[in-house]
Amino acid sequence: MKIRRATPDDSQALAIVHIDSWRAAYRGFVPDAHLASLDYARRAEPFRQSLAANSEETYVAERNGGILGFLSLGHCRDADVDHDSTGEIWGIYLVPEYWREGIGARLCRWAEAQLSSRGYTVAVLWVFAENARARRFYEAMGFAPDRVSKTLKPGKETEAVRYRKHLEKAEPEN
């Protein structure tokens, strides 16, 4: 598996991974009508724009030319943290057929190394409170909830909880 920076040409593949993973992971706590309304072409355009403008740092995991998943990371967007020391994993999404193969763990460790190499000593990320599978995954990766939550509205009000992890000094790998 190779991890590389996403380009605007990856936009359609990113949209497919994003929507398919949402539909598989969030069924049961995000309304079915909202999941059904997600559209690949409409989702691809914001990916294309942000990648073309270099405004979002997104990386893809690929094997034999096929995209298995992606991650986005960068500075922490939360107002209540020390921005000099806190980076954020904005999202990790995988094609559902590749869940539980170690790809998510590799992407998470890779993201941590990227953030650490930039001088961040803490990584945070947000998870839907009802997403038990993702919560178990991030807890297994060493993240812990930090008692901060917010309400998101993917078709209905849904609580998200913030997770935090202290980072070891690392050099990024590929």
C-alpha atoms as a PDB file:
ATOM      1  CA  MET A   1       0.000   0.000   0.000  1.00  0.00           C
ATOM      2  CA  LYS A   2       1.238   3.474  -0.902  1.00  0.00           C
ATOM      3  CA  ILE A   3       0.182   6.762   0.731  1.00  0.00           C
ATOM      4  CA  ARG A   4       0.415   9.853  -1.439  1.00  0.00           C
ATOM      5  CA  ARG A   5      -0.935  13.386  -1.564  1.00  0.00           C
ATOM      6  CA  ALA A   6      -4.338  13.574  -3.269  1.00  0.00           C
ATOM      7  CA  THR A   7      -4.717  15.607  -6.454  1.00  0.00           C
ATOM      8  CA  PRO A   8      -7.796  17.132  -8.103  1.00  0.00           C
ATOM      9  CA  ASP A   9      -7.851  14.075 -10.405  1.00  0.00           C
ATOM     10  CA  ASP A  10      -8.697  11.962  -7.328  1.00  0.00           C
ATOM     11  CA  SER A  11     -11.882  13.919  -6.588  1.00  0.00           C
ATOM     12  CA  GLN A  12     -14.369  11.404  -7.977  1.00  0.00           C
ATOM     13  CA  ALA A  13     -12.687   8.469  -6.223  1.00  0.00           C
ATOM     14  CA  LEU A  14     -12.596  10.413  -2.943  1.00  0.00           C
ATOM     15  CA  ALA A  15     -16.306  11.189  -3.261  1.00  0.00           C
ATOM     16  CA  ILE A  16     -17.098   7.509  -3.794  1.00  0.00           C
ATOM     17  CA  VAL A  17     -15.035   6.428  -0.778  1.00  0.00           C
ATOM     18  CA  HIS A  18     -16.506   9.194   1.370  1.00  0.00           C
ATOM     19  CA  ILE A  19     -20.141   8.488   0.525  1.00  0.00           C
ATOM     20  CA  ASP A  20     -19.846   4.693   0.558  1.00  0.00           C
ATOM     21  CA  SER A  21     -18.127   4.757   3.946  1.00  0.00           C
ATOM     22  CA  TRP A  22     -20.755   7.147   5.340  1.00  0.00           C
ATOM     23  CA  ARG A  23     -23.553   4.897   4.118  1.00  0.00           C
ATOM     24  CA  ALA A  24     -21.958   1.825   5.690  1.00  0.00           C
ATOM     25  CA  ALA A  25     -20.701   3.353   8.941  1.00  0.00           C
ATOM     26  CA  TYR A  26     -23.459   5.799   9.848  1.00  0.00           C
ATOM     27  CA  ARG A  27     -26.578   3.780   9.064  1.00  0.00           C
ATOM     28  CA  GLY A  28     -28.775   3.732  12.133  1.00  0.00           C
ATOM     29  CA  PHE A  29     -27.868   7.114  13.580  1.00  0.00           C
ATOM     30  CA  VAL A  30     -27.756   9.338  10.486  1.00  0.00           C
ATOM     31  CA  PRO A  31     -31.196   9.304   8.843  1.00  0.00           C
ATOM     32  CA  ASP A  32     -31.513   6.954   5.869  1.00  0.00           C
ATOM     33  CA  ALA A  33     -32.992   9.800   3.814  1.00  0.00           C
ATOM     34  CA  HIS A  34     -29.845  11.869   4.366  1.00  0.00           C
ATOM     35  CA  LEU A  35     -27.558   8.968   3.436  1.00  0.00           C
ATOM     36  CA  ALA A  36     -29.634   8.250   0.320  1.00  0.00           C
ATOM     37  CA  SER A  37     -29.429  11.914  -0.716  1.00  0.00           C
ATOM     38  CA  LEU A  38     -25.628  11.910  -0.860  1.00  0.00           C
ATOM     39  CA  ASP A  39     -24.496  12.363  -4.453  1.00  0.00           C
ATOM     40  CA  TYR A  40     -21.099  11.402  -5.846  1.00  0.00           C
ATOM     41  CA  ALA A  41     -20.894  14.242  -8.376  1.00  0.00           C
ATOM     42  CA  ARG A  42     -21.967  16.885  -5.840  1.00  0.00           C
ATOM     43  CA  ARG A  43     -19.440  15.573  -3.316  1.00  0.00           C
ATOM     44  CA  ALA A  44     -16.607  15.347  -5.860  1.00  0.00           C
ATOM     45  CA  GLU A  45     -16.770  19.053  -6.715  1.00  0.00           C
ATOM     46  CA  PRO A  46     -15.806  20.361  -3.223  1.00  0.00           C
ATOM     47  CA  PHE A  47     -12.959  17.827  -3.145  1.00  0.00           C
ATOM     48  CA  ARG A  48     -11.776  19.046  -6.548  1.00  0.00           C
ATOM     49  CA  GLN A  49     -11.960  22.699  -5.510  1.00  0.00           C
ATOM     50  CA  SER A  50     -10.145  22.264  -2.195  1.00  0.00           C
ATOM     51  CA  LEU A  51      -7.440  20.083  -3.735  1.00  0.00           C
ATOM     52  CA  ALA A  52      -6.945  22.501  -6.648  1.00  0.00           C
ATOM     53  CA  ALA A  53      -6.673  25.417  -4.211  1.00  0.00           C
ATOM     54  CA  ASN A  54      -4.449  23.362  -1.897  1.00  0.00           C
ATOM     55  CA  SER A  55      -6.745  24.398   0.960  1.00  0.00           C
ATOM     56  CA  GLU A  56      -7.184  20.910   2.391  1.00  0.00           C
ATOM     57  CA  GLU A  57      -4.410  18.431   3.073  1.00  0.00           C
ATOM     58  CA  THR A  58      -5.679  15.060   1.892  1.00  0.00           C
ATOM     59  CA  TYR A  59      -3.762  11.841   1.305  1.00  0.00           C
ATOM     60  CA  VAL A  60      -4.908   8.646  -0.399  1.00  0.00           C
ATOM     61  CA  ALA A  61      -4.027   5.059   0.365  1.00  0.00           C
ATOM     62  CA  GLU A  62      -3.729   3.129  -2.855  1.00  0.00           C
ATOM     63  CA  ARG A  63      -2.826  -0.334  -4.002  1.00  0.00           C
ATOM     64  CA  ASN A  64      -2.290  -1.297  -7.642  1.00  0.00           C
ATOM     65  CA  GLY A  65      -3.642   2.087  -8.707  1.00  0.00           C
ATOM     66  CA  GLY A  66      -6.918   1.726  -6.789  1.00  0.00           C
ATOM     67  CA  ILE A  67      -7.816   4.031  -3.915  1.00  0.00           C
ATOM     68  CA  LEU A  68      -8.569   2.116  -0.704  1.00  0.00           C
ATOM     69  CA  GLY A  69      -9.224   5.149   1.462  1.00  0.00           C
ATOM     70  CA  PHE A  70      -8.070   8.614   2.387  1.00  0.00           C
ATOM     71  CA  LEU A  71      -7.280  10.880   5.288  1.00  0.00           C
ATOM     72  CA  SER A  72      -7.300  14.620   5.799  1.00  0.00           C
ATOM     73  CA  LEU A  73      -5.267  16.397   8.437  1.00  0.00           C
ATOM     74  CA  GLY A  74      -3.865  19.745   9.419  1.00  0.00           C
ATOM     75  CA  HIS A  75      -4.020  22.393  12.079  1.00  0.00           C
ATOM     76  CA  CYS A  76      -6.665  21.984  14.761  1.00  0.00           C
ATOM     77  CA  ARG A  77      -9.800  23.929  13.897  1.00  0.00           C
ATOM     78  CA  ASP A  78     -11.086  24.124  17.492  1.00  0.00           C
ATOM     79  CA  ALA A  79     -10.921  27.438  19.331  1.00  0.00           C
ATOM     80  CA  ASP A  80     -10.239  25.939  22.764  1.00  0.00           C
ATOM     81  CA  VAL A  81      -6.834  24.336  22.091  1.00  0.00           C
ATOM     82  CA  ASP A  82      -3.244  25.516  21.874  1.00  0.00           C
ATOM     83  CA  HIS A  83      -2.844  25.818  18.109  1.00  0.00           C
ATOM     84  CA  ASP A  84       0.948  25.664  18.304  1.00  0.00           C
ATOM     85  CA  SER A  85       0.900  22.194  19.856  1.00  0.00           C
ATOM     86  CA  THR A  86      -2.356  20.650  18.564  1.00  0.00           C
ATOM     87  CA  GLY A  87      -2.931  19.154  15.126  1.00  0.00           C
ATOM     88  CA  GLU A  88      -6.075  17.462  13.906  1.00  0.00           C
ATOM     89  CA  ILE A  89      -6.941  14.369  11.939  1.00  0.00           C
ATOM     90  CA  TRP A  90      -9.915  15.779  10.079  1.00  0.00           C
ATOM     91  CA  GLY A  91     -11.070  12.411   8.805  1.00  0.00           C
ATOM     92  CA  ILE A  92     -10.120   8.872   7.857  1.00  0.00           C
ATOM     93  CA  TYR A  93     -12.398   7.061   5.424  1.00  0.00           C
ATOM     94  CA  LEU A  94     -11.975   3.640   3.842  1.00  0.00           C
ATOM     95  CA  VAL A  95     -13.824   1.673   1.201  1.00  0.00           C
ATOM     96  CA  PRO A  96     -16.002  -0.552   3.434  1.00  0.00           C
ATOM     97  CA  GLU A  97     -14.676  -3.730   1.794  1.00  0.00           C
ATOM     98  CA  TYR A  98     -11.240  -2.877   3.223  1.00  0.00           C
ATOM     99  CA  TRP A  99     -12.320  -2.345   6.825  1.00  0.00           C
ATOM    100  CA  ARG A 100     -10.512  -4.468   9.413  1.00  0.00           C
ATOM    101  CA  GLU A 101      -7.448  -5.084   7.218  1.00  0.00           C
ATOM    102  CA  GLY A 102      -5.101  -2.724   9.085  1.00  0.00           C
ATOM    103  CA  ILE A 103      -5.352   0.048   6.494  1.00  0.00           C
ATOM    104  CA  GLY A 104      -7.104   2.464   8.867  1.00  0.00           C
ATOM    105  CA  ALA A 105      -4.501   1.807  11.557  1.00  0.00           C
ATOM    106  CA  ARG A 106      -1.688   2.446   9.086  1.00  0.00           C
ATOM    107  CA  LEU A 107      -3.330   5.697   7.928  1.00  0.00           C
ATOM    108  CA  CYS A 108      -3.853   6.805  11.523  1.00  0.00           C
ATOM    109  CA  ARG A 109      -0.224   6.116  12.493  1.00  0.00           C
ATOM    110  CA  TRP A 110       0.917   7.865   9.308  1.00  0.00           C
ATOM    111  CA  ALA A 111      -1.208  10.921  10.167  1.00  0.00           C
ATOM    112  CA  GLU A 112       0.202  10.982  13.696  1.00  0.00           C
ATOM    113  CA  ALA A 113       3.767  10.889  12.322  1.00  0.00           C
ATOM    114  CA  GLN A 114       2.957  13.711   9.891  1.00  0.00           C
ATOM    115  CA  LEU A 115       1.555  15.884  12.682  1.00  0.00           C
ATOM    116  CA  SER A 116       4.433  15.055  15.023  1.00  0.00           C
ATOM    117  CA  SER A 117       7.024  15.888  12.359  1.00  0.00           C
ATOM    118  CA  ARG A 118       5.462  19.369  12.149  1.00  0.00           C
ATOM    119  CA  GLY A 119       5.985  19.970  15.848  1.00  0.00           C
ATOM    120  CA  TYR A 120       2.532  19.083  17.115  1.00  0.00           C
ATOM    121  CA  THR A 121       2.574  17.210  20.421  1.00  0.00           C
ATOM    122  CA  VAL A 122      -1.164  16.490  20.533  1.00  0.00           C
ATOM    123  CA  ALA A 123      -3.570  15.149  17.919  1.00  0.00           C
ATOM    124  CA  VAL A 124      -7.334  15.507  18.132  1.00  0.00           C
ATOM    125  CA  LEU A 125     -10.178  14.163  16.038  1.00  0.00           C
ATOM    126  CA  TRP A 126     -13.975  14.115  16.139  1.00  0.00           C
ATOM    127  CA  VAL A 127     -16.214  11.030  16.150  1.00  0.00           C
ATOM    128  CA  PHE A 128     -19.993  10.700  16.191  1.00  0.00           C
ATOM    129  CA  ALA A 129     -20.901   9.655  19.758  1.00  0.00           C
ATOM    130  CA  GLU A 130     -23.071   6.816  18.405  1.00  0.00           C
ATOM    131  CA  ASN A 131     -20.313   5.450  16.156  1.00  0.00           C
ATOM    132  CA  ALA A 132     -19.181   2.638  18.466  1.00  0.00           C
ATOM    133  CA  ARG A 133     -17.007   1.006  15.782  1.00  0.00           C
ATOM    134  CA  ALA A 134     -14.973   4.189  15.178  1.00  0.00           C
ATOM    135  CA  ARG A 135     -14.731   4.911  18.888  1.00  0.00           C
ATOM    136  CA  ARG A 136     -13.312   1.426  19.539  1.00  0.00           C
ATOM    137  CA  PHE A 137     -10.858   1.896  16.666  1.00  0.00           C
ATOM    138  CA  TYR A 138      -9.533   5.247  17.905  1.00  0.00           C
ATOM    139  CA  GLU A 139      -9.354   4.019  21.491  1.00  0.00           C
ATOM    140  CA  ALA A 140      -7.307   1.017  20.276  1.00  0.00           C
ATOM    141  CA  MET A 141      -5.031   3.549  18.529  1.00  0.00           C
ATOM    142  CA  GLY A 142      -4.438   5.285  21.890  1.00  0.00           C
ATOM    143  CA  PHE A 143      -6.915   8.165  21.606  1.00  0.00           C
ATOM    144  CA  ALA A 144      -9.244   8.993  24.506  1.00  0.00           C
ATOM    145  CA  PRO A 145     -12.314  11.217  24.725  1.00  0.00           C
ATOM    146  CA  ASP A 146     -11.463  14.588  26.279  1.00  0.00           C
ATOM    147  CA  ARG A 147     -14.997  15.491  27.491  1.00  0.00           C
ATOM    148  CA  VAL A 148     -15.609  18.020  24.708  1.00  0.00           C
ATOM    149  CA  SER A 149     -18.579  17.526  22.392  1.00  0.00           C
ATOM    150  CA  LYS A 150     -20.493  19.412  19.737  1.00  0.00           C
ATOM    151  CA  THR A 151     -23.662  18.974  17.758  1.00  0.00           C
ATOM    152  CA  LEU A 152     -23.481  18.293  14.032  1.00  0.00           C
ATOM    153  CA  LYS A 153     -26.479  18.143  11.696  1.00  0.00           C
ATOM    154  CA  PRO A 154     -26.135  15.350   9.105  1.00  0.00           C
ATOM    155  CA  GLY A 155     -29.889  15.109   8.517  1.00  0.00           C
ATOM    156  CA  LYS A 156     -30.614  15.496  12.248  1.00  0.00           C
ATOM    157  CA  GLU A 157     -28.799  16.784  15.302  1.00  0.00           C
ATOM    158  CA  THR A 158     -26.072  14.294  16.197  1.00  0.00           C
ATOM    159  CA  GLU A 159     -23.514  14.553  18.972  1.00  0.00           C
ATOM    160  CA  ALA A 160     -19.815  14.332  18.116  1.00  0.00           C
ATOM    161  CA  VAL A 161     -17.142  13.791  20.755  1.00  0.00           C
ATOM    162  CA  ARG A 162     -13.550  14.915  20.559  1.00  0.00           C
ATOM    163  CA  TYR A 163     -10.719  12.456  21.068  1.00  0.00           C
ATOM    164  CA  ARG A 164      -7.159  13.410  21.998  1.00  0.00           C
ATOM    165  CA  LYS A 165      -3.775  11.712  21.965  1.00  0.00           C
ATOM    166  CA  HIS A 166      -0.315  12.870  22.988  1.00  0.00           C
ATOM    167  CA  LEU A 167       2.095  12.268  20.139  1.00  0.00           C
ATOM    168  CA  GLU A 168       5.549  10.755  20.273  1.00  0.00           C
ATOM    169  CA  LYS A 169       8.203  12.539  18.246  1.00  0.00           C
ATOM    170  CA  ALA A 170       8.286  10.831  14.873  1.00  0.00           C
ATOM    171  CA  GLU A 171       9.439  11.317  11.340  1.00  0.00           C
ATOM    172  CA  PRO A 172       6.852  10.919   8.578  1.00  0.00           C
ATOM    173  CA  GLU A 173       7.002   7.761   6.509  1.00  0.00           C
ATOM    174  CA  ASN A 174       5.561   6.702   3.211  1.00  0.00           C
END
